[in-house]
Every structure is written in structure tokens, then in C-alpha cells.
Amino acid sequence: MSLASVEWSAPWLAPYAELGQRVAGRVAAGLSSAEALNGALAPQATPVRFVPQSDLPAGVAYESYIFDSDCCPTREGLHDFFNGLAWLLFPQTKRRLNHLHVAQISQTGIQPVRGPARDALTVFDENAAFFQGPDALWDALVAKDWHRLFVTLRPLWQEAHLVLFGHALLEKLVYARKPITAHVFRAQAATNSIADMDAWVAAQLTAEMLATKPFAHLPVLGVPGWWPENADPAFYADTSVFRPPKTIN
């Protein structure tokens, strides 16, 4: 998948579109992804310096290297491209996640299998989305009451705001498919800009909180206005995607 495949008019890319198109244009002009990301903002506004993946020394953990050097190893391709955009739009949240990863590494070292805390940090970093909106929508989402969430309460979505954060989630949506699902974290309603949201989310994050899996699962293309087919209520009747809640016997 190449940057030319990105459809910047997709509604879920609205927070990233201006910056992303600028960076993608620099890559198309011949710069590496790292060079293009470094030039996207004024140097004093760039939270890390993006460097080629080859700068990561053998045997050094990726997160530890970022923590120690303020440099983010960056490969060519969509995955690290979107990771770079996330660093530029959500610098405080990305920095906080990095610090939490390093704290876990200092406690346990690098293990073949991540523990619950690092698993949760990785899920958040790769696949999180931030929801702001009425309690009724959040309650229906948590309950997986899809008909209520998307059909009965559909007018309430005009009062809601969903911002995608996870770079793997953004990458997957380049070729959007109905089953693609975000891990949704509820953000404070009073955050009125991406910068405010970034500061608020970063202040909430702890390893202990994330280990409790404070997420709701949302098939992203179900968001009203984000996919033409979801105008038909039958879109949400697909139980292979909009799964009913598990029952406890």
C-alpha cells in the first residue's frame, strides 16, 4: 500500500488531512518519510526527530531508543507514516505512551510475550479512537446495543465527535472494510480542539488504568455519515460485524 492510495477526503481522516497531504506531497517529491515528517512543522513544534529505521541500534528496544534519544525510527510505508502523523497531532499522548512503555520495560525487561500492561499500551497506540458525545450514545456503545446506537439514537450523533488515534487503525482504513473495529476511549466532553484532547488524554493515561481495558469496541464504518451504506438500517443487522454482547450462563 502506498501513500497514493490514501483518500484524504474520507471523514475519519479530517483531523489529519491538511498535515497528511503536505507530508505525502513531500514524500512524492522524493523525500524519505522521516525527512518529510521532520519538515512538516517548525522544528520547535516537532515532538521527536524522525530518523531512518536503520538508526535503531541492534538490541535496543524501539521505545527505549525514542525515550533516550528523542528520535523515532521510521520505515517507509503507511504504518510508520500514520505513526508519524499521530506524533505530530497528538504529541503529549504519544510521549506519555512512550514513557509508560519504558517504565514497563524497566520493570520486566524485554520479554518474548508482553504482559497485560504493555499489551494494553500497544492496543491503545495502534487502535484507539476517542469519543465525545452524549451519555446515551456511550451507554449504547458499551452495551453493544447497535440498533439503539445507530438507528434509534442516530440524530444524537450530530452532538458526537469520534477522532481516530491509532496508526494501525488509520492504515487499515486506507482500504476500508466493514469489520474494521476501533478500541474506543471516552474523552472529556469539554475538549474543544485536537490539542486540548491530546493534553486531556495524556493526563489520564496510566498503565494500571489501561490494564483494565477501558475500551468499547466500535466498527468504524458504522459511524453515521462515514460510509454511504450505513444509511440503510439493514447495514447494522450483520451480526458477524455488529456482534451481540456475550451472555453469561
Protein backbone atom coordinates (compact mmCIF):
# COMPACT_ATOMS: atom_id res chain seq x y z
CA MET A 1 0.00 0.00 0.00
CA SER A 2 1.32 3.41 -0.94
CA LEU A 3 0.55 6.97 0.09
CA ALA A 4 -1.13 7.45 -3.28
CA SER A 5 -3.85 5.07 -2.04
CA VAL A 6 -4.90 7.40 0.78
CA GLU A 7 -8.26 9.08 0.16
CA TRP A 8 -7.84 12.26 2.18
CA SER A 9 -11.49 13.20 1.83
CA ALA A 10 -12.52 10.23 3.99
CA PRO A 11 -14.36 11.68 7.01
CA TRP A 12 -12.24 9.79 9.56
CA LEU A 13 -9.13 11.48 8.15
CA ALA A 14 -10.46 15.03 8.61
CA PRO A 15 -8.14 15.86 11.57
CA TYR A 16 -5.12 14.60 9.61
CA ALA A 17 -5.94 15.68 6.06
CA GLU A 18 -4.16 19.02 5.82
CA LEU A 19 -0.97 17.88 7.51
CA GLY A 20 -1.06 14.43 5.91
CA GLN A 21 -1.38 15.75 2.39
CA ARG A 22 1.51 18.10 2.98
CA VAL A 23 3.75 15.28 4.23
CA ALA A 24 2.62 12.91 1.48
CA GLY A 25 3.44 15.56 -1.11
CA ARG A 26 6.97 15.82 0.24
CA VAL A 27 7.35 12.04 0.00
CA ALA A 28 6.04 12.12 -3.57
CA ALA A 29 8.68 14.75 -4.33
CA GLY A 30 11.41 12.30 -3.35
CA LEU A 31 11.97 12.73 0.38
CA SER A 32 12.00 9.79 2.76
CA SER A 33 9.10 9.53 5.19
CA ALA A 34 11.40 10.60 8.03
CA GLU A 35 12.59 13.68 6.14
CA ALA A 36 9.04 14.59 5.09
CA LEU A 37 7.72 14.30 8.65
CA ASN A 38 10.61 16.35 10.05
CA GLY A 39 9.78 19.21 7.72
CA ALA A 40 6.04 19.20 8.36
CA LEU A 41 6.15 21.55 11.36
CA ALA A 42 8.53 24.17 12.65
CA PRO A 43 11.46 22.45 14.44
CA GLN A 44 10.40 23.75 17.84
CA ALA A 45 6.93 22.25 17.32
CA THR A 46 8.15 18.78 16.40
CA PRO A 47 7.98 16.44 19.42
CA VAL A 48 10.57 13.98 18.14
CA ARG A 49 13.02 13.82 15.25
CA PHE A 50 12.15 11.14 12.74
CA VAL A 51 15.09 9.03 11.62
CA PRO A 52 15.53 6.02 9.31
CA GLN A 53 14.79 2.64 10.84
CA SER A 54 18.46 1.77 10.32
CA ASP A 55 19.38 4.29 13.05
CA LEU A 56 17.86 1.97 15.68
CA PRO A 57 20.86 0.12 17.16
CA ALA A 58 20.74 -3.66 17.20
CA GLY A 59 19.49 -4.99 20.52
CA VAL A 60 17.95 -1.68 21.64
CA ALA A 61 14.20 -1.62 22.26
CA TYR A 62 12.30 0.73 19.96
CA GLU A 63 10.51 2.53 22.81
CA SER A 64 13.71 2.86 24.85
CA TYR A 65 15.51 4.38 21.90
CA ILE A 66 12.78 7.01 21.45
CA PHE A 67 12.88 7.78 25.17
CA ASP A 68 16.66 8.15 25.30
CA SER A 69 17.25 9.96 22.00
CA ASP A 70 14.01 11.82 21.16
CA CYS A 71 14.32 10.14 17.77
CA CYS A 72 11.61 7.96 16.24
CA PRO A 73 12.83 5.24 13.84
CA THR A 74 10.65 5.40 10.74
CA ARG A 75 10.25 2.89 7.94
CA GLU A 76 8.79 3.65 4.55
CA GLY A 77 5.14 2.77 4.17
CA LEU A 78 1.72 3.64 5.52
CA HIS A 79 2.14 2.21 9.02
CA ASP A 80 5.01 4.44 10.08
CA PHE A 81 3.67 7.35 8.03
CA PHE A 82 0.49 7.38 10.13
CA ASN A 83 2.53 6.83 13.28
CA GLY A 84 4.44 9.99 12.40
CA LEU A 85 1.22 11.95 11.84
CA ALA A 86 -0.03 10.76 15.23
CA TRP A 87 3.17 12.06 16.84
CA LEU A 88 2.63 15.44 15.18
CA LEU A 89 -1.06 15.78 16.08
CA PHE A 90 -1.02 14.10 19.50
CA PRO A 91 2.49 14.72 20.84
CA GLN A 92 1.57 14.61 24.52
CA THR A 93 -0.35 11.36 24.24
CA LYS A 94 2.38 9.71 22.17
CA ARG A 95 5.04 10.90 24.62
CA ARG A 96 3.03 9.60 27.56
CA LEU A 97 2.60 6.19 25.93
CA ASN A 98 6.33 6.05 25.28
CA HIS A 99 7.12 6.85 28.92
CA LEU A 100 4.70 4.18 30.11
CA HIS A 101 6.25 1.59 27.79
CA VAL A 102 9.73 2.41 29.05
CA ALA A 103 8.59 2.20 32.66
CA GLN A 104 7.24 -1.29 31.99
CA ILE A 105 10.43 -2.32 30.20
CA SER A 106 12.48 -1.13 33.19
CA GLN A 107 10.39 -3.39 35.45
CA THR A 108 10.24 -6.53 33.35
CA GLY A 109 12.84 -6.19 30.61
CA ILE A 110 12.06 -7.22 27.04
CA GLN A 111 10.09 -10.45 27.22
CA PRO A 112 9.06 -12.80 24.37
CA VAL A 113 5.45 -12.10 25.32
CA ARG A 114 4.24 -8.70 26.51
CA GLY A 115 2.46 -8.52 29.86
CA PRO A 116 -1.06 -7.08 30.31
CA ALA A 117 0.14 -3.51 30.77
CA ARG A 118 2.28 -3.41 27.61
CA ASP A 119 -0.42 -5.25 25.68
CA ALA A 120 -2.89 -2.54 26.65
CA LEU A 121 -0.43 0.23 25.79
CA THR A 122 0.13 -1.32 22.37
CA VAL A 123 -3.61 -1.71 21.70
CA PHE A 124 -4.13 1.94 22.62
CA ASP A 125 -1.24 3.16 20.46
CA GLU A 126 -2.21 1.07 17.45
CA ASN A 127 -6.01 1.03 17.50
CA ALA A 128 -7.56 3.64 19.82
CA ALA A 129 -10.20 6.19 18.94
CA PHE A 130 -11.51 8.99 21.16
CA PHE A 131 -15.24 9.53 21.61
CA GLN A 132 -17.00 12.65 22.80
CA GLY A 133 -20.76 12.65 22.95
CA PRO A 134 -23.98 12.17 24.92
CA ASP A 135 -24.18 9.57 27.67
CA ALA A 136 -26.96 7.75 25.83
CA LEU A 137 -24.66 7.02 22.89
CA TRP A 138 -21.81 5.87 25.10
CA ASP A 139 -24.10 3.62 27.13
CA ALA A 140 -25.48 2.01 23.96
CA LEU A 141 -21.96 1.51 22.61
CA VAL A 142 -20.75 -0.16 25.79
CA ALA A 143 -23.85 -2.36 25.80
CA LYS A 144 -23.36 -3.23 22.11
CA ASP A 145 -26.94 -2.21 21.53
CA TRP A 146 -26.23 -1.47 17.90
CA HIS A 147 -29.79 -0.72 16.77
CA ARG A 148 -30.24 1.81 19.55
CA LEU A 149 -26.78 3.29 18.99
CA PHE A 150 -27.01 3.77 15.24
CA VAL A 151 -30.73 3.76 14.37
CA THR A 152 -32.87 4.86 17.32
CA LEU A 153 -30.34 7.43 18.57
CA ARG A 154 -28.98 8.38 15.16
CA PRO A 155 -29.92 12.09 15.48
CA LEU A 156 -27.74 12.31 18.63
CA TRP A 157 -24.63 11.63 16.54
CA GLN A 158 -24.86 15.28 15.49
CA GLU A 159 -23.71 16.02 19.05
CA ALA A 160 -20.92 13.43 18.99
CA HIS A 161 -17.33 13.50 17.81
CA LEU A 162 -15.08 10.50 17.10
CA VAL A 163 -11.36 11.04 16.49
CA LEU A 164 -9.18 8.16 15.37
CA PHE A 165 -5.78 7.95 17.03
CA GLY A 166 -4.28 4.51 16.41
CA HIS A 167 -1.91 4.46 13.47
CA ALA A 168 -2.60 0.81 12.60
CA LEU A 169 -6.31 1.65 12.57
CA LEU A 170 -5.70 4.53 10.17
CA GLU A 171 -3.57 2.27 7.98
CA LYS A 172 -6.26 -0.43 7.79
CA LEU A 173 -8.87 2.12 6.78
CA VAL A 174 -6.93 3.07 3.65
CA TYR A 175 -8.72 0.03 2.25
CA ALA A 176 -11.87 0.37 4.31
CA ARG A 177 -13.76 -2.80 5.19
CA LYS A 178 -16.87 -3.20 7.28
CA PRO A 179 -15.27 -5.33 10.06
CA ILE A 180 -12.54 -2.80 10.95
CA THR A 181 -13.05 -2.05 14.64
CA ALA A 182 -11.61 0.62 16.94
CA HIS A 183 -10.94 0.42 20.65
CA VAL A 184 -12.85 3.50 21.79
CA PHE A 185 -11.80 5.53 24.80
CA ARG A 186 -14.20 8.16 26.11
CA ALA A 187 -12.66 11.62 26.13
CA GLN A 188 -13.77 14.58 28.19
CA ALA A 189 -16.59 16.48 26.54
CA ALA A 190 -15.01 19.88 27.23
CA THR A 191 -12.01 19.28 24.96
CA ASN A 192 -12.64 21.65 22.07
CA SER A 193 -9.61 21.05 19.87
CA ILE A 194 -7.17 18.29 18.99
CA ALA A 195 -4.57 19.98 21.19
CA ASP A 196 -6.97 20.07 24.15
CA MET A 197 -7.96 16.46 23.57
CA ASP A 198 -4.29 15.46 23.37
CA ALA A 199 -3.49 17.13 26.68
CA TRP A 200 -6.55 15.65 28.41
CA VAL A 201 -5.98 12.09 27.18
CA ALA A 202 -2.27 12.17 28.04
CA ALA A 203 -3.10 13.24 31.59
CA GLN A 204 -5.46 10.27 32.03
CA LEU A 205 -3.12 7.53 30.91
CA THR A 206 -1.62 5.16 33.42
CA ALA A 207 -0.54 1.56 32.95
CA GLU A 208 -2.93 0.48 35.69
CA MET A 209 -5.89 2.19 34.06
CA LEU A 210 -5.12 0.78 30.62
CA ALA A 211 -4.68 -2.73 32.02
CA THR A 212 -8.38 -2.61 32.99
CA LYS A 213 -9.17 -2.34 29.24
CA PRO A 214 -11.33 0.79 29.46
CA PHE A 215 -12.42 0.46 25.84
CA ALA A 216 -15.61 -0.08 23.90
CA HIS A 217 -15.44 -1.81 20.53
CA LEU A 218 -16.82 0.13 17.58
CA PRO A 219 -16.96 -0.96 13.91
CA VAL A 220 -15.78 2.33 12.49
CA LEU A 221 -17.79 2.31 9.27
CA GLY A 222 -20.97 2.26 11.35
CA VAL A 223 -20.50 5.90 12.34
CA PRO A 224 -23.31 7.89 10.69
CA GLY A 225 -22.03 9.83 7.71
CA TRP A 226 -18.80 7.85 7.48
CA TRP A 227 -19.96 5.20 5.00
CA PRO A 228 -22.80 5.50 2.45
CA GLU A 229 -24.18 2.02 3.05
CA ASN A 230 -24.89 2.68 6.72
CA ALA A 231 -27.77 4.98 5.77
CA ASP A 232 -29.77 1.73 5.49
CA PRO A 233 -30.60 0.29 8.94
CA ALA A 234 -30.04 -3.19 7.49
CA PHE A 235 -26.31 -2.38 7.45
CA TYR A 236 -26.26 -2.93 11.21
CA ALA A 237 -28.03 -6.31 11.07
CA ASP A 238 -24.78 -8.07 10.12
CA THR A 239 -24.03 -9.92 13.35
CA SER A 240 -20.61 -11.01 12.09
CA VAL A 241 -19.57 -7.34 12.49
CA PHE A 242 -22.11 -5.83 14.89
CA ARG A 243 -21.87 -8.65 17.37
CA PRO A 244 -24.34 -9.02 20.21
CA PRO A 245 -22.98 -8.82 23.76
CA LYS A 246 -21.73 -12.03 25.26
CA THR A 247 -24.17 -13.74 27.54
CA ILE A 248 -23.05 -15.15 30.87
CA ASN A 249 -24.57 -18.52 31.69
